[in-house]
Amino acid sequence: MTLTADQTRQRAQHQYNASLELCPARQLLEAISSKWVTLVMLALEEGPQRHSELRRRIPGASQKMLTSTLRTLGRDGLIGREVTPSVPVRTDYELTPLGRSLLPIIFAMKAWAEDNMHAVAVSRQEHDGDRASVPAEQ
């Protein structure tokens, strides 16, 4: 069956619909929306850093979580890894051009969170207070 150009575009759009469970765009969106990804990307915005430097800059990040996040970012092409042969071996991580292209979105999300954290806190408090006053279902 031969498809028109419009049908081909529609089929491609359907394949990359982030609402679909197996869509590659959805899988990427899930990967880049992790809080650890956001924090690592923000830390690397200032330039190349070693694993130990990143751990100091990102409180609460375990060695395992940071290593896993760095591997995922490397696999997705958002960061590069440079190993310098020395004793001990030095490994630096830095944003790739693709990773840098994501920074404006991360900065916008960070700014939104900072600008709206009070309103969200109030809403959470009101919501949680409303739930506390409703009798539990039996």
N, C-alpha and C. Protein backbone atom coordinates (compact mmCIF):
# COMPACT_ATOMS: atom_id res chain seq x y z
N MET A 1 0.84 -1.17 0.00
CA MET A 1 0.00 0.00 0.00
C MET A 1 0.89 1.24 0.00
N THR A 2 0.60 2.15 -0.87
CA THR A 2 1.35 3.40 -0.97
C THR A 2 0.65 4.48 -0.15
N LEU A 3 1.45 5.22 0.63
CA LEU A 3 0.90 6.28 1.47
C LEU A 3 1.20 7.64 0.87
N THR A 4 0.27 8.55 1.07
CA THR A 4 0.53 9.93 0.65
C THR A 4 1.49 10.55 1.66
N ALA A 5 2.06 11.69 1.31
CA ALA A 5 2.97 12.38 2.22
C ALA A 5 2.26 12.73 3.53
N ASP A 6 1.00 13.14 3.44
CA ASP A 6 0.24 13.50 4.63
C ASP A 6 0.02 12.26 5.51
N GLN A 7 -0.31 11.14 4.91
CA GLN A 7 -0.51 9.91 5.67
C GLN A 7 0.79 9.47 6.34
N THR A 8 1.91 9.63 5.66
CA THR A 8 3.21 9.28 6.23
C THR A 8 3.52 10.15 7.44
N ARG A 9 3.24 11.46 7.33
CA ARG A 9 3.46 12.38 8.47
C ARG A 9 2.55 12.00 9.64
N GLN A 10 1.29 11.70 9.36
CA GLN A 10 0.36 11.34 10.42
C GLN A 10 0.80 10.06 11.12
N ARG A 11 1.28 9.09 10.35
CA ARG A 11 1.75 7.84 10.94
C ARG A 11 2.97 8.10 11.82
N ALA A 12 3.88 8.95 11.36
CA ALA A 12 5.07 9.29 12.14
C ALA A 12 4.69 10.02 13.42
N GLN A 13 3.72 10.93 13.34
CA GLN A 13 3.27 11.65 14.53
C GLN A 13 2.65 10.68 15.53
N HIS A 14 1.91 9.71 15.03
CA HIS A 14 1.29 8.73 15.91
C HIS A 14 2.37 7.89 16.61
N GLN A 15 3.43 7.55 15.89
CA GLN A 15 4.50 6.74 16.47
C GLN A 15 5.22 7.50 17.59
N TYR A 16 5.29 8.82 17.49
CA TYR A 16 5.98 9.62 18.50
C TYR A 16 5.00 10.41 19.34
N ASN A 17 3.96 9.76 19.80
CA ASN A 17 2.96 10.37 20.67
C ASN A 17 3.35 10.02 22.10
N ALA A 18 3.81 11.01 22.87
CA ALA A 18 4.31 10.78 24.22
C ALA A 18 3.24 10.22 25.15
N SER A 19 1.97 10.23 24.74
CA SER A 19 0.91 9.64 25.55
C SER A 19 0.91 8.12 25.44
N LEU A 20 1.53 7.59 24.41
CA LEU A 20 1.55 6.14 24.21
C LEU A 20 2.67 5.51 25.03
N GLU A 21 2.37 4.41 25.68
CA GLU A 21 3.30 3.78 26.62
C GLU A 21 4.65 3.42 25.99
N LEU A 22 4.67 2.91 24.79
CA LEU A 22 5.92 2.46 24.18
C LEU A 22 6.58 3.50 23.28
N CYS A 23 6.10 4.70 23.30
CA CYS A 23 6.64 5.76 22.46
C CYS A 23 8.04 6.14 22.92
N PRO A 24 9.01 6.20 22.00
CA PRO A 24 10.36 6.63 22.37
C PRO A 24 10.39 8.03 22.98
N ALA A 25 9.52 8.92 22.54
CA ALA A 25 9.47 10.27 23.11
C ALA A 25 9.02 10.21 24.57
N ARG A 26 8.08 9.33 24.88
CA ARG A 26 7.62 9.18 26.27
C ARG A 26 8.75 8.65 27.13
N GLN A 27 9.47 7.66 26.62
CA GLN A 27 10.58 7.09 27.37
C GLN A 27 11.66 8.14 27.64
N LEU A 28 11.93 8.98 26.66
CA LEU A 28 12.91 10.06 26.85
C LEU A 28 12.39 11.08 27.84
N LEU A 29 11.12 11.43 27.74
CA LEU A 29 10.52 12.39 28.67
C LEU A 29 10.61 11.87 30.10
N GLU A 30 10.34 10.60 30.30
CA GLU A 30 10.46 10.00 31.63
C GLU A 30 11.89 10.09 32.14
N ALA A 31 12.85 9.85 31.26
CA ALA A 31 14.27 9.87 31.65
C ALA A 31 14.72 11.27 32.04
N ILE A 32 14.37 12.27 31.25
CA ILE A 32 14.88 13.62 31.51
C ILE A 32 14.09 14.37 32.57
N SER A 33 12.95 13.82 33.01
CA SER A 33 12.17 14.52 34.02
C SER A 33 12.51 14.08 35.44
N SER A 34 13.50 13.24 35.60
CA SER A 34 13.94 12.82 36.92
C SER A 34 14.56 13.99 37.67
N LYS A 35 14.32 14.07 38.98
CA LYS A 35 14.93 15.16 39.76
C LYS A 35 16.44 15.06 39.72
N TRP A 36 16.98 13.83 39.70
CA TRP A 36 18.43 13.67 39.69
C TRP A 36 19.02 14.15 38.38
N VAL A 37 18.34 13.89 37.28
CA VAL A 37 18.80 14.39 35.97
C VAL A 37 18.84 15.91 36.00
N THR A 38 17.78 16.52 36.49
CA THR A 38 17.72 17.98 36.56
C THR A 38 18.87 18.53 37.40
N LEU A 39 19.10 17.95 38.57
CA LEU A 39 20.15 18.45 39.45
C LEU A 39 21.55 18.25 38.86
N VAL A 40 21.78 17.12 38.20
CA VAL A 40 23.08 16.88 37.56
C VAL A 40 23.29 17.86 36.41
N MET A 41 22.27 18.05 35.60
CA MET A 41 22.39 18.98 34.47
C MET A 41 22.68 20.40 34.98
N LEU A 42 22.02 20.82 36.03
CA LEU A 42 22.27 22.15 36.59
C LEU A 42 23.69 22.26 37.12
N ALA A 43 24.17 21.21 37.76
CA ALA A 43 25.53 21.22 38.30
C ALA A 43 26.57 21.27 37.17
N LEU A 44 26.31 20.55 36.09
CA LEU A 44 27.27 20.50 34.98
C LEU A 44 27.22 21.75 34.09
N GLU A 45 26.22 22.59 34.31
CA GLU A 45 26.11 23.81 33.52
C GLU A 45 27.34 24.69 33.71
N GLU A 46 27.97 24.59 34.86
CA GLU A 46 29.14 25.41 35.17
C GLU A 46 30.43 24.86 34.59
N GLY A 47 30.37 23.69 33.96
CA GLY A 47 31.56 23.13 33.33
C GLY A 47 31.83 21.71 33.80
N PRO A 48 32.89 21.10 33.24
CA PRO A 48 33.22 19.71 33.56
C PRO A 48 33.47 19.52 35.06
N GLN A 49 33.01 18.37 35.56
CA GLN A 49 33.20 18.05 36.97
C GLN A 49 33.42 16.56 37.15
N ARG A 50 34.11 16.24 38.21
CA ARG A 50 34.33 14.84 38.58
C ARG A 50 33.14 14.33 39.39
N HIS A 51 33.06 13.02 39.48
CA HIS A 51 31.99 12.37 40.24
C HIS A 51 31.94 12.91 41.67
N SER A 52 33.09 13.00 42.31
CA SER A 52 33.13 13.46 43.71
C SER A 52 32.67 14.91 43.83
N GLU A 53 33.00 15.74 42.85
CA GLU A 53 32.54 17.14 42.87
C GLU A 53 31.02 17.20 42.74
N LEU A 54 30.47 16.37 41.85
CA LEU A 54 29.02 16.33 41.67
C LEU A 54 28.33 15.87 42.95
N ARG A 55 28.88 14.88 43.63
CA ARG A 55 28.29 14.40 44.89
C ARG A 55 28.25 15.49 45.93
N ARG A 56 29.29 16.30 45.98
CA ARG A 56 29.31 17.41 46.95
C ARG A 56 28.28 18.48 46.57
N ARG A 57 28.09 18.69 45.30
CA ARG A 57 27.18 19.75 44.83
C ARG A 57 25.71 19.34 44.88
N ILE A 58 25.46 18.04 44.94
CA ILE A 58 24.08 17.54 44.91
C ILE A 58 23.80 16.77 46.21
N PRO A 59 23.43 17.48 47.27
CA PRO A 59 23.15 16.82 48.54
C PRO A 59 22.06 15.75 48.39
N GLY A 60 22.27 14.64 49.05
CA GLY A 60 21.28 13.57 49.03
C GLY A 60 21.47 12.57 47.90
N ALA A 61 22.35 12.86 46.96
CA ALA A 61 22.58 11.93 45.85
C ALA A 61 23.57 10.86 46.32
N SER A 62 23.12 9.63 46.35
CA SER A 62 24.02 8.55 46.72
C SER A 62 24.98 8.27 45.56
N GLN A 63 26.05 7.60 45.85
CA GLN A 63 27.01 7.25 44.80
C GLN A 63 26.33 6.41 43.73
N LYS A 64 25.50 5.47 44.15
CA LYS A 64 24.80 4.59 43.21
C LYS A 64 23.84 5.39 42.32
N MET A 65 23.06 6.31 42.93
CA MET A 65 22.09 7.10 42.15
C MET A 65 22.81 8.00 41.17
N LEU A 66 23.89 8.64 41.63
CA LEU A 66 24.64 9.54 40.75
C LEU A 66 25.26 8.77 39.60
N THR A 67 25.85 7.63 39.88
CA THR A 67 26.45 6.81 38.82
C THR A 67 25.40 6.39 37.81
N SER A 68 24.25 5.94 38.30
CA SER A 68 23.17 5.52 37.41
C SER A 68 22.68 6.69 36.54
N THR A 69 22.53 7.86 37.15
CA THR A 69 22.07 9.05 36.41
C THR A 69 23.09 9.45 35.35
N LEU A 70 24.37 9.44 35.71
CA LEU A 70 25.42 9.80 34.75
C LEU A 70 25.45 8.82 33.58
N ARG A 71 25.25 7.55 33.86
CA ARG A 71 25.22 6.55 32.77
C ARG A 71 24.04 6.79 31.84
N THR A 72 22.89 7.08 32.42
CA THR A 72 21.69 7.34 31.60
C THR A 72 21.90 8.58 30.74
N LEU A 73 22.43 9.64 31.33
CA LEU A 73 22.68 10.87 30.58
C LEU A 73 23.70 10.65 29.47
N GLY A 74 24.71 9.84 29.75
CA GLY A 74 25.71 9.51 28.73
C GLY A 74 25.10 8.70 27.60
N ARG A 75 24.29 7.72 27.96
CA ARG A 75 23.62 6.88 26.96
C ARG A 75 22.73 7.70 26.04
N ASP A 76 22.06 8.71 26.63
CA ASP A 76 21.16 9.56 25.85
C ASP A 76 21.89 10.67 25.10
N GLY A 77 23.20 10.77 25.29
CA GLY A 77 23.99 11.76 24.57
C GLY A 77 23.93 13.16 25.15
N LEU A 78 23.47 13.27 26.41
CA LEU A 78 23.34 14.58 27.03
C LEU A 78 24.61 15.01 27.77
N ILE A 79 25.43 14.05 28.17
CA ILE A 79 26.71 14.36 28.78
C ILE A 79 27.80 13.52 28.14
N GLY A 80 29.01 14.04 28.22
CA GLY A 80 30.19 13.30 27.78
C GLY A 80 31.04 12.94 28.98
N ARG A 81 31.86 11.95 28.79
CA ARG A 81 32.72 11.45 29.87
C ARG A 81 34.13 11.40 29.32
N GLU A 82 35.05 12.06 30.01
CA GLU A 82 36.44 12.06 29.57
C GLU A 82 37.31 11.45 30.67
N VAL A 83 38.03 10.40 30.28
CA VAL A 83 38.91 9.71 31.22
C VAL A 83 40.34 10.15 30.93
N THR A 84 41.01 10.66 31.96
CA THR A 84 42.40 11.08 31.84
C THR A 84 43.26 10.06 32.57
N PRO A 85 44.16 9.39 31.81
CA PRO A 85 45.02 8.40 32.48
C PRO A 85 45.98 9.09 33.45
N SER A 86 45.83 8.76 34.69
CA SER A 86 46.69 9.28 35.75
C SER A 86 46.57 8.33 36.92
N VAL A 87 47.25 8.61 37.99
CA VAL A 87 47.12 7.78 39.19
C VAL A 87 46.61 8.67 40.31
N PRO A 88 45.37 8.51 40.77
CA PRO A 88 44.36 7.62 40.20
C PRO A 88 43.79 8.19 38.90
N VAL A 89 43.06 7.34 38.18
CA VAL A 89 42.45 7.76 36.92
C VAL A 89 41.47 8.89 37.21
N ARG A 90 41.48 9.90 36.34
CA ARG A 90 40.57 11.05 36.50
C ARG A 90 39.47 10.94 35.45
N THR A 91 38.22 11.03 35.91
CA THR A 91 37.08 11.01 35.01
C THR A 91 36.28 12.29 35.20
N ASP A 92 36.10 13.02 34.11
CA ASP A 92 35.31 14.25 34.14
C ASP A 92 34.06 14.07 33.30
N TYR A 93 32.98 14.69 33.75
CA TYR A 93 31.70 14.67 33.04
C TYR A 93 31.37 16.09 32.62
N GLU A 94 30.82 16.24 31.41
CA GLU A 94 30.41 17.56 30.96
C GLU A 94 29.23 17.44 30.01
N LEU A 95 28.50 18.54 29.90
CA LEU A 95 27.35 18.56 29.00
C LEU A 95 27.81 18.55 27.55
N THR A 96 27.09 17.83 26.73
CA THR A 96 27.31 17.85 25.28
C THR A 96 26.49 19.00 24.70
N PRO A 97 26.67 19.32 23.43
CA PRO A 97 25.79 20.33 22.82
C PRO A 97 24.30 19.95 22.95
N LEU A 98 24.00 18.67 22.82
CA LEU A 98 22.61 18.24 22.99
C LEU A 98 22.14 18.50 24.42
N GLY A 99 22.98 18.21 25.39
CA GLY A 99 22.65 18.47 26.78
C GLY A 99 22.47 19.96 27.05
N ARG A 100 23.34 20.77 26.48
CA ARG A 100 23.23 22.23 26.65
C ARG A 100 21.92 22.74 26.05
N SER A 101 21.44 22.09 24.99
CA SER A 101 20.18 22.53 24.37
C SER A 101 18.98 22.29 25.29
N LEU A 102 19.13 21.42 26.27
CA LEU A 102 18.06 21.14 27.22
C LEU A 102 18.06 22.12 28.39
N LEU A 103 19.17 22.80 28.62
CA LEU A 103 19.28 23.70 29.78
C LEU A 103 18.22 24.79 29.85
N PRO A 104 17.88 25.47 28.74
CA PRO A 104 16.85 26.51 28.86
C PRO A 104 15.52 25.97 29.41
N ILE A 105 15.19 24.75 29.07
CA ILE A 105 13.95 24.15 29.57
C ILE A 105 14.09 23.86 31.07
N ILE A 106 15.25 23.34 31.46
CA ILE A 106 15.49 23.06 32.88
C ILE A 106 15.49 24.35 33.69
N PHE A 107 16.14 25.40 33.16
CA PHE A 107 16.13 26.69 33.85
C PHE A 107 14.71 27.23 34.00
N ALA A 108 13.90 27.07 32.97
CA ALA A 108 12.51 27.54 33.03
C ALA A 108 11.73 26.76 34.08
N MET A 109 11.92 25.45 34.16
CA MET A 109 11.23 24.64 35.17
C MET A 109 11.68 25.04 36.57
N LYS A 110 12.99 25.26 36.74
CA LYS A 110 13.53 25.67 38.03
C LYS A 110 12.95 27.02 38.45
N ALA A 111 12.91 27.97 37.53
CA ALA A 111 12.36 29.29 37.82
C ALA A 111 10.88 29.19 38.18
N TRP A 112 10.13 28.37 37.44
CA TRP A 112 8.72 28.20 37.73
C TRP A 112 8.54 27.63 39.14
N ALA A 113 9.33 26.61 39.48
CA ALA A 113 9.23 25.99 40.81
C ALA A 113 9.54 27.01 41.90
N GLU A 114 10.58 27.80 41.70
CA GLU A 114 10.95 28.81 42.70
C GLU A 114 9.88 29.89 42.82
N ASP A 115 9.31 30.30 41.68
CA ASP A 115 8.28 31.34 41.68
C ASP A 115 6.95 30.87 42.28
N ASN A 116 6.67 29.59 42.20
CA ASN A 116 5.36 29.08 42.59
C ASN A 116 5.38 28.16 43.80
N MET A 117 6.53 28.00 44.45
CA MET A 117 6.60 27.04 45.55
C MET A 117 5.68 27.43 46.70
N HIS A 118 5.51 28.71 46.97
CA HIS A 118 4.62 29.13 48.05
C HIS A 118 3.17 28.76 47.74
N ALA A 119 2.74 29.06 46.53
CA ALA A 119 1.35 28.75 46.14
C ALA A 119 1.11 27.24 46.18
N VAL A 120 2.08 26.46 45.77
CA VAL A 120 1.93 25.00 45.80
C VAL A 120 1.89 24.51 47.24
N ALA A 121 2.74 25.08 48.09
CA ALA A 121 2.75 24.69 49.51
C ALA A 121 1.40 24.98 50.15
N VAL A 122 0.83 26.15 49.86
CA VAL A 122 -0.49 26.51 50.40
C VAL A 122 -1.54 25.52 49.90
N SER A 123 -1.51 25.22 48.61
CA SER A 123 -2.47 24.28 48.04
C SER A 123 -2.34 22.91 48.68
N ARG A 124 -1.12 22.45 48.87
CA ARG A 124 -0.91 21.14 49.51
C ARG A 124 -1.46 21.14 50.93
N GLN A 125 -1.18 22.22 51.64
CA GLN A 125 -1.65 22.31 53.03
C GLN A 125 -3.18 22.30 53.07
N GLU A 126 -3.82 23.06 52.18
CA GLU A 126 -5.28 23.08 52.13
C GLU A 126 -5.83 21.71 51.75
N HIS A 127 -5.21 21.08 50.77
CA HIS A 127 -5.65 19.76 50.33
C HIS A 127 -5.50 18.74 51.45
N ASP A 128 -4.35 18.73 52.09
CA ASP A 128 -4.11 17.77 53.17
C ASP A 128 -5.01 18.05 54.36
N GLY A 129 -5.29 19.33 54.63
CA GLY A 129 -6.22 19.70 55.71
C GLY A 129 -7.62 19.23 55.41
N ASP A 130 -8.06 19.38 54.14
CA ASP A 130 -9.38 18.92 53.72
C ASP A 130 -9.49 17.41 53.89
N ARG A 131 -8.45 16.71 53.57
CA ARG A 131 -8.47 15.24 53.67
C ARG A 131 -8.52 14.80 55.11
N ALA A 132 -7.86 15.56 55.99
CA ALA A 132 -7.84 15.20 57.41
C ALA A 132 -9.22 15.37 58.05
N SER A 133 -10.02 16.32 57.53
CA SER A 133 -11.33 16.58 58.11
C SER A 133 -12.42 15.66 57.58
N VAL A 134 -12.14 14.91 56.52
CA VAL A 134 -13.13 13.99 55.94
C VAL A 134 -13.00 12.65 56.64
N PRO A 135 -14.12 12.12 57.15
CA PRO A 135 -14.05 10.80 57.84
C PRO A 135 -13.60 9.72 56.85
N ALA A 136 -12.82 8.79 57.34
CA ALA A 136 -12.32 7.71 56.52
C ALA A 136 -13.48 6.80 56.12
N GLU A 137 -13.37 6.24 54.92
CA GLU A 137 -14.42 5.31 54.45
C GLU A 137 -14.31 4.02 55.23
N GLN A 138 -15.48 3.44 55.52
CA GLN A 138 -15.47 2.19 56.28
C GLN A 138 -15.82 1.03 55.43
